[in-house]
Amino acid sequence: MPVSRSWAFTQQARFSAAAGLDKEQITSRVLDVLKGFEKVDQGKLSTTSTFSEDLGLDSLDAVEVVMAVEEEFSIEIPDAEADEIKTVQQAIDYIAKTPEAH
C-alpha cells in the first residue's frame, strides 16, 4: 500500500525541527555561545556576522566556535559540514534542521 503524500509530509515536518526548539531560542543560544569568546567584538555580533570577516576569528577560533555550539546543543557536526559553517546564520540554520539538537 503506497504511503500518502500528506502522511509523508507530516512525518518530515515532525522530524525536521530541532527537538522542539524554535528559531528564536536557537538564535539566542548561538549568540550567547559567541559572546563567551573573548575575541568576539560584541558590537559586531549579529545573525548576519561572518566568523572571520566580521568577528575576526581565525580558522582555529571557528573550530572552537563549532565545538562550543556542539556542546551547547548536545550534537556532533561532521567535519565536512562544520567546515561549511562560516556565519552565525549558518550555525543557526544547521541546528534548526538537526532533530537531535536540544
PDB file of N, CA and C in Angstrom:
ATOM      1  N   MET A   1       0.851  -1.177   0.000  1.00  0.00           N
ATOM      2  CA  MET A   1       0.000   0.000   0.000  1.00  0.00           C
ATOM      3  C   MET A   1       0.893   1.236   0.000  1.00  0.00           C
ATOM      4  N   PRO A   2       0.726   2.156  -0.944  1.00  0.00           N
ATOM      5  CA  PRO A   2       1.574   3.341  -1.010  1.00  0.00           C
ATOM      6  C   PRO A   2       1.300   4.294   0.151  1.00  0.00           C
ATOM      7  N   VAL A   3       2.331   4.988   0.553  1.00  0.00           N
ATOM      8  CA  VAL A   3       2.221   5.969   1.627  1.00  0.00           C
ATOM      9  C   VAL A   3       1.656   7.256   1.037  1.00  0.00           C
ATOM     10  N   SER A   4       0.686   7.832   1.713  1.00  0.00           N
ATOM     11  CA  SER A   4       0.102   9.073   1.198  1.00  0.00           C
ATOM     12  C   SER A   4       1.097  10.220   1.328  1.00  0.00           C
ATOM     13  N   ARG A   5       0.993  11.163   0.428  1.00  0.00           N
ATOM     14  CA  ARG A   5       1.905  12.308   0.437  1.00  0.00           C
ATOM     15  C   ARG A   5       1.724  13.128   1.706  1.00  0.00           C
ATOM     16  N   SER A   6       0.484  13.291   2.168  1.00  0.00           N
ATOM     17  CA  SER A   6       0.257  14.111   3.358  1.00  0.00           C
ATOM     18  C   SER A   6       0.885  13.461   4.587  1.00  0.00           C
ATOM     19  N   TRP A   7       0.816  12.141   4.686  1.00  0.00           N
ATOM     20  CA  TRP A   7       1.443  11.454   5.811  1.00  0.00           C
ATOM     21  C   TRP A   7       2.954  11.642   5.763  1.00  0.00           C
ATOM     22  N   ALA A   8       3.534  11.470   4.574  1.00  0.00           N
ATOM     23  CA  ALA A   8       4.979  11.623   4.424  1.00  0.00           C
ATOM     24  C   ALA A   8       5.401  13.039   4.772  1.00  0.00           C
ATOM     25  N   PHE A   9       4.640  14.040   4.349  1.00  0.00           N
ATOM     26  CA  PHE A   9       4.965  15.426   4.658  1.00  0.00           C
ATOM     27  C   PHE A   9       4.884  15.674   6.155  1.00  0.00           C
ATOM     28  N   THR A  10       3.848  15.137   6.798  1.00  0.00           N
ATOM     29  CA  THR A  10       3.692  15.304   8.241  1.00  0.00           C
ATOM     30  C   THR A  10       4.884  14.713   8.982  1.00  0.00           C
ATOM     31  N   GLN A  11       5.323  13.532   8.559  1.00  0.00           N
ATOM     32  CA  GLN A  11       6.466  12.904   9.210  1.00  0.00           C
ATOM     33  C   GLN A  11       7.735  13.720   8.997  1.00  0.00           C
ATOM     34  N   GLN A  12       7.917  14.238   7.784  1.00  0.00           N
ATOM     35  CA  GLN A  12       9.098  15.051   7.512  1.00  0.00           C
ATOM     36  C   GLN A  12       9.071  16.310   8.367  1.00  0.00           C
ATOM     37  N   ALA A  13       7.946  16.983   8.441  1.00  0.00           N
ATOM     38  CA  ALA A  13       7.832  18.202   9.230  1.00  0.00           C
ATOM     39  C   ALA A  13       8.067  17.909  10.705  1.00  0.00           C
ATOM     40  N   ARG A  14       7.578  16.760  11.155  1.00  0.00           N
ATOM     41  CA  ARG A  14       7.715  16.388  12.553  1.00  0.00           C
ATOM     42  C   ARG A  14       9.172  16.210  12.957  1.00  0.00           C
ATOM     43  N   PHE A  15       9.990  15.706  12.049  1.00  0.00           N
ATOM     44  CA  PHE A  15      11.375  15.425  12.379  1.00  0.00           C
ATOM     45  C   PHE A  15      12.357  16.451  11.836  1.00  0.00           C
ATOM     46  N   SER A  16      11.872  17.527  11.239  1.00  0.00           N
ATOM     47  CA  SER A  16      12.796  18.477  10.635  1.00  0.00           C
ATOM     48  C   SER A  16      13.216  19.597  11.573  1.00  0.00           C
ATOM     49  N   ALA A  17      12.554  19.765  12.680  1.00  0.00           N
ATOM     50  CA  ALA A  17      12.919  20.831  13.613  1.00  0.00           C
ATOM     51  C   ALA A  17      13.689  20.255  14.788  1.00  0.00           C
ATOM     52  N   ALA A  18      14.588  21.035  15.305  1.00  0.00           N
ATOM     53  CA  ALA A  18      15.438  20.608  16.405  1.00  0.00           C
ATOM     54  C   ALA A  18      14.635  20.481  17.694  1.00  0.00           C
ATOM     55  N   ALA A  19      14.387  19.264  18.116  1.00  0.00           N
ATOM     56  CA  ALA A  19      13.782  18.906  19.410  1.00  0.00           C
ATOM     57  C   ALA A  19      12.848  19.956  19.994  1.00  0.00           C
ATOM     58  N   GLY A  20      11.996  20.513  19.183  1.00  0.00           N
ATOM     59  CA  GLY A  20      11.046  21.485  19.681  1.00  0.00           C
ATOM     60  C   GLY A  20      11.617  22.868  19.912  1.00  0.00           C
ATOM     61  N   LEU A  21      12.860  23.086  19.560  1.00  0.00           N
ATOM     62  CA  LEU A  21      13.456  24.408  19.713  1.00  0.00           C
ATOM     63  C   LEU A  21      12.988  25.298  18.572  1.00  0.00           C
ATOM     64  N   ASP A  22      12.573  26.515  18.914  1.00  0.00           N
ATOM     65  CA  ASP A  22      12.216  27.417  17.826  1.00  0.00           C
ATOM     66  C   ASP A  22      13.436  28.249  17.438  1.00  0.00           C
ATOM     67  N   LYS A  23      13.328  28.896  16.302  1.00  0.00           N
ATOM     68  CA  LYS A  23      14.454  29.654  15.738  1.00  0.00           C
ATOM     69  C   LYS A  23      14.950  30.724  16.722  1.00  0.00           C
ATOM     70  N   GLU A  24      14.026  31.330  17.453  1.00  0.00           N
ATOM     71  CA  GLU A  24      14.393  32.373  18.417  1.00  0.00           C
ATOM     72  C   GLU A  24      15.263  31.803  19.543  1.00  0.00           C
ATOM     73  N   GLN A  25      14.889  30.647  20.061  1.00  0.00           N
ATOM     74  CA  GLN A  25      15.682  30.000  21.115  1.00  0.00           C
ATOM     75  C   GLN A  25      17.067  29.636  20.598  1.00  0.00           C
ATOM     76  N   ILE A  26      17.100  29.070  19.410  1.00  0.00           N
ATOM     77  CA  ILE A  26      18.376  28.672  18.814  1.00  0.00           C
ATOM     78  C   ILE A  26      19.255  29.892  18.612  1.00  0.00           C
ATOM     79  N   THR A  27      18.684  30.949  18.053  1.00  0.00           N
ATOM     80  CA  THR A  27      19.438  32.178  17.797  1.00  0.00           C
ATOM     81  C   THR A  27      20.023  32.734  19.084  1.00  0.00           C
ATOM     82  N   SER A  28      19.213  32.820  20.111  1.00  0.00           N
ATOM     83  CA  SER A  28      19.662  33.352  21.396  1.00  0.00           C
ATOM     84  C   SER A  28      20.816  32.533  21.965  1.00  0.00           C
ATOM     85  N   ARG A  29      20.693  31.228  21.907  1.00  0.00           N
ATOM     86  CA  ARG A  29      21.737  30.361  22.466  1.00  0.00           C
ATOM     87  C   ARG A  29      23.025  30.418  21.653  1.00  0.00           C
ATOM     88  N   VAL A  30      22.915  30.483  20.320  1.00  0.00           N
ATOM     89  CA  VAL A  30      24.122  30.590  19.489  1.00  0.00           C
ATOM     90  C   VAL A  30      24.827  31.916  19.773  1.00  0.00           C
ATOM     91  N   LEU A  31      24.066  33.002  19.859  1.00  0.00           N
ATOM     92  CA  LEU A  31      24.672  34.302  20.162  1.00  0.00           C
ATOM     93  C   LEU A  31      25.329  34.284  21.540  1.00  0.00           C
ATOM     94  N   ASP A  32      24.694  33.637  22.511  1.00  0.00           N
ATOM     95  CA  ASP A  32      25.289  33.521  23.848  1.00  0.00           C
ATOM     96  C   ASP A  32      26.606  32.750  23.809  1.00  0.00           C
ATOM     97  N   VAL A  33      26.657  31.684  23.013  1.00  0.00           N
ATOM     98  CA  VAL A  33      27.904  30.922  22.864  1.00  0.00           C
ATOM     99  C   VAL A  33      28.997  31.841  22.343  1.00  0.00           C
ATOM    100  N   LEU A  34      28.687  32.613  21.322  1.00  0.00           N
ATOM    101  CA  LEU A  34      29.684  33.501  20.723  1.00  0.00           C
ATOM    102  C   LEU A  34      30.102  34.623  21.669  1.00  0.00           C
ATOM    103  N   LYS A  35      29.186  35.083  22.506  1.00  0.00           N
ATOM    104  CA  LYS A  35      29.520  36.124  23.487  1.00  0.00           C
ATOM    105  C   LYS A  35      30.552  35.620  24.486  1.00  0.00           C
ATOM    106  N   GLY A  36      30.646  34.308  24.641  1.00  0.00           N
ATOM    107  CA  GLY A  36      31.612  33.717  25.557  1.00  0.00           C
ATOM    108  C   GLY A  36      33.036  33.704  25.021  1.00  0.00           C
ATOM    109  N   PHE A  37      33.216  34.087  23.763  1.00  0.00           N
ATOM    110  CA  PHE A  37      34.553  34.118  23.170  1.00  0.00           C
ATOM    111  C   PHE A  37      35.136  35.514  23.312  1.00  0.00           C
ATOM    112  N   GLU A  38      36.267  35.583  24.001  1.00  0.00           N
ATOM    113  CA  GLU A  38      36.919  36.858  24.285  1.00  0.00           C
ATOM    114  C   GLU A  38      37.226  37.654  23.017  1.00  0.00           C
ATOM    115  N   LYS A  39      37.607  36.977  21.953  1.00  0.00           N
ATOM    116  CA  LYS A  39      37.979  37.647  20.703  1.00  0.00           C
ATOM    117  C   LYS A  39      36.804  38.306  19.986  1.00  0.00           C
ATOM    118  N   VAL A  40      35.590  37.878  20.278  1.00  0.00           N
ATOM    119  CA  VAL A  40      34.418  38.372  19.551  1.00  0.00           C
ATOM    120  C   VAL A  40      34.083  39.794  19.994  1.00  0.00           C
ATOM    121  N   ASP A  41      34.030  40.699  19.027  1.00  0.00           N
ATOM    122  CA  ASP A  41      33.625  42.082  19.269  1.00  0.00           C
ATOM    123  C   ASP A  41      32.102  42.095  19.389  1.00  0.00           C
ATOM    124  N   GLN A  42      31.612  42.312  20.606  1.00  0.00           N
ATOM    125  CA  GLN A  42      30.169  42.263  20.866  1.00  0.00           C
ATOM    126  C   GLN A  42      29.386  43.234  19.979  1.00  0.00           C
ATOM    127  N   GLY A  43      30.003  44.351  19.616  1.00  0.00           N
ATOM    128  CA  GLY A  43      29.342  45.344  18.781  1.00  0.00           C
ATOM    129  C   GLY A  43      29.118  44.874  17.356  1.00  0.00           C
ATOM    130  N   LYS A  44      29.875  43.882  16.924  1.00  0.00           N
ATOM    131  CA  LYS A  44      29.749  43.367  15.559  1.00  0.00           C
ATOM    132  C   LYS A  44      28.976  42.052  15.496  1.00  0.00           C
ATOM    133  N   LEU A  45      28.562  41.560  16.658  1.00  0.00           N
ATOM    134  CA  LEU A  45      27.891  40.265  16.718  1.00  0.00           C
ATOM    135  C   LEU A  45      26.413  40.393  16.361  1.00  0.00           C
ATOM    136  N   SER A  46      26.006  39.692  15.321  1.00  0.00           N
ATOM    137  CA  SER A  46      24.598  39.630  14.915  1.00  0.00           C
ATOM    138  C   SER A  46      24.394  38.340  14.133  1.00  0.00           C
ATOM    139  N   THR A  47      23.173  38.085  13.753  1.00  0.00           N
ATOM    140  CA  THR A  47      22.897  36.862  12.992  1.00  0.00           C
ATOM    141  C   THR A  47      23.525  36.908  11.607  1.00  0.00           C
ATOM    142  N   THR A  48      23.852  38.092  11.121  1.00  0.00           N
ATOM    143  CA  THR A  48      24.453  38.212   9.786  1.00  0.00           C
ATOM    144  C   THR A  48      25.980  38.214   9.821  1.00  0.00           C
ATOM    145  N   SER A  49      26.566  38.114  11.002  1.00  0.00           N
ATOM    146  CA  SER A  49      28.027  38.160  11.137  1.00  0.00           C
ATOM    147  C   SER A  49      28.700  36.925  10.551  1.00  0.00           C
ATOM    148  N   THR A  50      29.822  37.172   9.863  1.00  0.00           N
ATOM    149  CA  THR A  50      30.685  36.067   9.440  1.00  0.00           C
ATOM    150  C   THR A  50      31.721  35.874  10.536  1.00  0.00           C
ATOM    151  N   PHE A  51      32.156  34.635  10.711  1.00  0.00           N
ATOM    152  CA  PHE A  51      33.130  34.365  11.764  1.00  0.00           C
ATOM    153  C   PHE A  51      34.450  35.075  11.507  1.00  0.00           C
ATOM    154  N   SER A  52      34.941  35.022  10.281  1.00  0.00           N
ATOM    155  CA  SER A  52      36.269  35.581  10.006  1.00  0.00           C
ATOM    156  C   SER A  52      36.237  37.079   9.752  1.00  0.00           C
ATOM    157  N   GLU A  53      35.466  37.520   8.783  1.00  0.00           N
ATOM    158  CA  GLU A  53      35.496  38.932   8.404  1.00  0.00           C
ATOM    159  C   GLU A  53      34.894  39.850   9.459  1.00  0.00           C
ATOM    160  N   ASP A  54      33.699  39.539   9.940  1.00  0.00           N
ATOM    161  CA  ASP A  54      33.029  40.425  10.889  1.00  0.00           C
ATOM    162  C   ASP A  54      33.524  40.262  12.321  1.00  0.00           C
ATOM    163  N   LEU A  55      33.710  39.020  12.735  1.00  0.00           N
ATOM    164  CA  LEU A  55      34.066  38.765  14.135  1.00  0.00           C
ATOM    165  C   LEU A  55      35.563  38.611  14.356  1.00  0.00           C
ATOM    166  N   GLY A  56      36.337  38.564  13.281  1.00  0.00           N
ATOM    167  CA  GLY A  56      37.792  38.499  13.400  1.00  0.00           C
ATOM    168  C   GLY A  56      38.330  37.181  13.921  1.00  0.00           C
ATOM    169  N   LEU A  57      37.580  36.106  13.726  1.00  0.00           N
ATOM    170  CA  LEU A  57      38.025  34.800  14.202  1.00  0.00           C
ATOM    171  C   LEU A  57      38.845  34.106  13.122  1.00  0.00           C
ATOM    172  N   ASP A  58      39.939  33.469  13.538  1.00  0.00           N
ATOM    173  CA  ASP A  58      40.724  32.697  12.573  1.00  0.00           C
ATOM    174  C   ASP A  58      40.139  31.283  12.479  1.00  0.00           C
ATOM    175  N   SER A  59      40.748  30.443  11.659  1.00  0.00           N
ATOM    176  CA  SER A  59      40.181  29.110  11.422  1.00  0.00           C
ATOM    177  C   SER A  59      40.139  28.261  12.695  1.00  0.00           C
ATOM    178  N   LEU A  60      41.135  28.393  13.553  1.00  0.00           N
ATOM    179  CA  LEU A  60      41.127  27.646  14.811  1.00  0.00           C
ATOM    180  C   LEU A  60      39.996  28.139  15.715  1.00  0.00           C
ATOM    181  N   ASP A  61      39.804  29.457  15.761  1.00  0.00           N
ATOM    182  CA  ASP A  61      38.697  30.013  16.544  1.00  0.00           C
ATOM    183  C   ASP A  61      37.359  29.489  16.030  1.00  0.00           C
ATOM    184  N   ALA A  62      37.217  29.423  14.712  1.00  0.00           N
ATOM    185  CA  ALA A  62      35.965  28.945  14.115  1.00  0.00           C
ATOM    186  C   ALA A  62      35.698  27.497  14.512  1.00  0.00           C
ATOM    187  N   VAL A  63      36.745  26.686  14.556  1.00  0.00           N
ATOM    188  CA  VAL A  63      36.605  25.294  15.002  1.00  0.00           C
ATOM    189  C   VAL A  63      36.138  25.273  16.456  1.00  0.00           C
ATOM    190  N   GLU A  64      36.706  26.137  17.283  1.00  0.00           N
ATOM    191  CA  GLU A  64      36.307  26.204  18.691  1.00  0.00           C
ATOM    192  C   GLU A  64      34.850  26.648  18.832  1.00  0.00           C
ATOM    193  N   VAL A  65      34.419  27.571  17.973  1.00  0.00           N
ATOM    194  CA  VAL A  65      33.020  28.012  17.990  1.00  0.00           C
ATOM    195  C   VAL A  65      32.105  26.831  17.669  1.00  0.00           C
ATOM    196  N   VAL A  66      32.434  26.099  16.626  1.00  0.00           N
ATOM    197  CA  VAL A  66      31.612  24.945  16.245  1.00  0.00           C
ATOM    198  C   VAL A  66      31.585  23.922  17.381  1.00  0.00           C
ATOM    199  N   MET A  67      32.710  23.686  18.015  1.00  0.00           N
ATOM    200  CA  MET A  67      32.752  22.742  19.138  1.00  0.00           C
ATOM    201  C   MET A  67      31.882  23.237  20.295  1.00  0.00           C
ATOM    202  N   ALA A  68      31.905  24.526  20.564  1.00  0.00           N
ATOM    203  CA  ALA A  68      31.083  25.090  21.634  1.00  0.00           C
ATOM    204  C   ALA A  68      29.595  24.976  21.294  1.00  0.00           C
ATOM    205  N   VAL A  69      29.256  25.173  20.027  1.00  0.00           N
ATOM    206  CA  VAL A  69      27.867  25.020  19.584  1.00  0.00           C
ATOM    207  C   VAL A  69      27.440  23.557  19.724  1.00  0.00           C
ATOM    208  N   GLU A  70      28.325  22.639  19.346  1.00  0.00           N
ATOM    209  CA  GLU A  70      28.023  21.211  19.507  1.00  0.00           C
ATOM    210  C   GLU A  70      27.727  20.895  20.970  1.00  0.00           C
ATOM    211  N   GLU A  71      28.538  21.417  21.855  1.00  0.00           N
ATOM    212  CA  GLU A  71      28.351  21.162  23.288  1.00  0.00           C
ATOM    213  C   GLU A  71      27.051  21.791  23.788  1.00  0.00           C
ATOM    214  N   GLU A  72      26.785  23.015  23.381  1.00  0.00           N
ATOM    215  CA  GLU A  72      25.574  23.725  23.816  1.00  0.00           C
ATOM    216  C   GLU A  72      24.301  22.976  23.428  1.00  0.00           C
ATOM    217  N   PHE A  73      24.293  22.389  22.239  1.00  0.00           N
ATOM    218  CA  PHE A  73      23.088  21.736  21.731  1.00  0.00           C
ATOM    219  C   PHE A  73      23.164  20.208  21.775  1.00  0.00           C
ATOM    220  N   SER A  74      24.213  19.670  22.387  1.00  0.00           N
ATOM    221  CA  SER A  74      24.392  18.219  22.530  1.00  0.00           C
ATOM    222  C   SER A  74      24.299  17.489  21.193  1.00  0.00           C
ATOM    223  N   ILE A  75      25.041  17.999  20.212  1.00  0.00           N
ATOM    224  CA  ILE A  75      25.075  17.381  18.889  1.00  0.00           C
ATOM    225  C   ILE A  75      26.521  17.208  18.450  1.00  0.00           C
ATOM    226  N   GLU A  76      26.701  16.426  17.400  1.00  0.00           N
ATOM    227  CA  GLU A  76      28.015  16.301  16.777  1.00  0.00           C
ATOM    228  C   GLU A  76      27.855  16.665  15.308  1.00  0.00           C
ATOM    229  N   ILE A  77      28.609  17.665  14.884  1.00  0.00           N
ATOM    230  CA  ILE A  77      28.550  18.121  13.498  1.00  0.00           C
ATOM    231  C   ILE A  77      29.715  17.483  12.754  1.00  0.00           C
ATOM    232  N   PRO A  78      29.434  16.700  11.721  1.00  0.00           N
ATOM    233  CA  PRO A  78      30.524  16.082  10.952  1.00  0.00           C
ATOM    234  C   PRO A  78      31.475  17.153  10.405  1.00  0.00           C
ATOM    235  N   ASP A  79      32.765  16.817  10.350  1.00  0.00           N
ATOM    236  CA  ASP A  79      33.784  17.782   9.930  1.00  0.00           C
ATOM    237  C   ASP A  79      33.466  18.453   8.603  1.00  0.00           C
ATOM    238  N   ALA A  80      33.031  17.685   7.626  1.00  0.00           N
ATOM    239  CA  ALA A  80      32.741  18.258   6.304  1.00  0.00           C
ATOM    240  C   ALA A  80      31.641  19.314   6.390  1.00  0.00           C
ATOM    241  N   GLU A  81      30.652  19.069   7.232  1.00  0.00           N
ATOM    242  CA  GLU A  81      29.565  20.037   7.398  1.00  0.00           C
ATOM    243  C   GLU A  81      30.014  21.206   8.257  1.00  0.00           C
ATOM    244  N   ALA A  82      30.820  20.941   9.271  1.00  0.00           N
ATOM    245  CA  ALA A  82      31.327  22.006  10.134  1.00  0.00           C
ATOM    246  C   ALA A  82      32.171  22.996   9.340  1.00  0.00           C
ATOM    247  N   ASP A  83      32.919  22.493   8.372  1.00  0.00           N
ATOM    248  CA  ASP A  83      33.758  23.358   7.535  1.00  0.00           C
ATOM    249  C   ASP A  83      32.937  24.350   6.724  1.00  0.00           C
ATOM    250  N   GLU A  84      31.674  24.046   6.500  1.00  0.00           N
ATOM    251  CA  GLU A  84      30.802  24.921   5.710  1.00  0.00           C
ATOM    252  C   GLU A  84      30.104  25.984   6.557  1.00  0.00           C
ATOM    253  N   ILE A  85      30.206  25.880   7.872  1.00  0.00           N
ATOM    254  CA  ILE A  85      29.557  26.850   8.759  1.00  0.00           C
ATOM    255  C   ILE A  85      30.528  28.007   8.978  1.00  0.00           C
ATOM    256  N   LYS A  86      30.246  29.112   8.300  1.00  0.00           N
ATOM    257  CA  LYS A  86      31.143  30.265   8.331  1.00  0.00           C
ATOM    258  C   LYS A  86      30.465  31.535   8.836  1.00  0.00           C
ATOM    259  N   THR A  87      29.172  31.441   9.131  1.00  0.00           N
ATOM    260  CA  THR A  87      28.430  32.597   9.630  1.00  0.00           C
ATOM    261  C   THR A  87      27.550  32.179  10.804  1.00  0.00           C
ATOM    262  N   VAL A  88      27.124  33.168  11.562  1.00  0.00           N
ATOM    263  CA  VAL A  88      26.217  32.903  12.674  1.00  0.00           C
ATOM    264  C   VAL A  88      24.924  32.282  12.141  1.00  0.00           C
ATOM    265  N   GLN A  89      24.396  32.828  11.048  1.00  0.00           N
ATOM    266  CA  GLN A  89      23.139  32.317  10.490  1.00  0.00           C
ATOM    267  C   GLN A  89      23.269  30.873  10.022  1.00  0.00           C
ATOM    268  N   GLN A  90      24.401  30.524   9.444  1.00  0.00           N
ATOM    269  CA  GLN A  90      24.598  29.135   9.012  1.00  0.00           C
ATOM    270  C   GLN A  90      24.592  28.193  10.213  1.00  0.00           C
ATOM    271  N   ALA A  91      25.154  28.623  11.330  1.00  0.00           N
ATOM    272  CA  ALA A  91      25.126  27.803  12.549  1.00  0.00           C
ATOM    273  C   ALA A  91      23.689  27.631  13.033  1.00  0.00           C
ATOM    274  N   ILE A  92      22.943  28.718  13.040  1.00  0.00           N
ATOM    275  CA  ILE A  92      21.538  28.672  13.466  1.00  0.00           C
ATOM    276  C   ILE A  92      20.736  27.738  12.560  1.00  0.00           C
ATOM    277  N   ASP A  93      20.907  27.894  11.261  1.00  0.00           N
ATOM    278  CA  ASP A  93      20.173  27.062  10.300  1.00  0.00           C
ATOM    279  C   ASP A  93      20.528  25.585  10.444  1.00  0.00           C
ATOM    280  N   TYR A  94      21.807  25.294  10.675  1.00  0.00           N
ATOM    281  CA  TYR A  94      22.223  23.900  10.835  1.00  0.00           C
ATOM    282  C   TYR A  94      21.535  23.287  12.055  1.00  0.00           C
ATOM    283  N   ILE A  95      21.535  24.007  13.155  1.00  0.00           N
ATOM    284  CA  ILE A  95      20.923  23.488  14.379  1.00  0.00           C
ATOM    285  C   ILE A  95      19.419  23.312  14.187  1.00  0.00           C
ATOM    286  N   ALA A  96      18.784  24.259  13.522  1.00  0.00           N
ATOM    287  CA  ALA A  96      17.336  24.195  13.306  1.00  0.00           C
ATOM    288  C   ALA A  96      16.931  22.958  12.513  1.00  0.00           C
ATOM    289  N   LYS A  97      17.809  22.470  11.646  1.00  0.00           N
ATOM    290  CA  LYS A  97      17.462  21.291  10.841  1.00  0.00           C
ATOM    291  C   LYS A  97      17.985  19.991  11.453  1.00  0.00           C
ATOM    292  N   THR A  98      18.534  20.068  12.653  1.00  0.00           N
ATOM    293  CA  THR A  98      19.102  18.894  13.310  1.00  0.00           C
ATOM    294  C   THR A  98      18.165  18.414  14.413  1.00  0.00           C
ATOM    295  N   PRO A  99      17.442  17.318  14.175  1.00  0.00           N
ATOM    296  CA  PRO A  99      16.452  16.863  15.143  1.00  0.00           C
ATOM    297  C   PRO A  99      17.028  16.478  16.506  1.00  0.00           C
ATOM    298  N   GLU A 100      18.299  16.095  16.547  1.00  0.00           N
ATOM    299  CA  GLU A 100      18.902  15.673  17.821  1.00  0.00           C
ATOM    300  C   GLU A 100      19.236  16.845  18.732  1.00  0.00           C
ATOM    301  N   ALA A 101      19.257  18.055  18.183  1.00  0.00           N
ATOM    302  CA  ALA A 101      19.646  19.226  18.979  1.00  0.00           C
ATOM    303  C   ALA A 101      18.623  19.494  20.073  1.00  0.00           C
ATOM    304  N   HIS A 102      19.143  19.802  21.250  1.00  0.00           N
ATOM    305  CA  HIS A 102      18.251  20.180  22.353  1.00  0.00           C
ATOM    306  C   HIS A 102      18.967  21.103  23.319  1.00  0.00           C
TER     307      HIS A 102
END
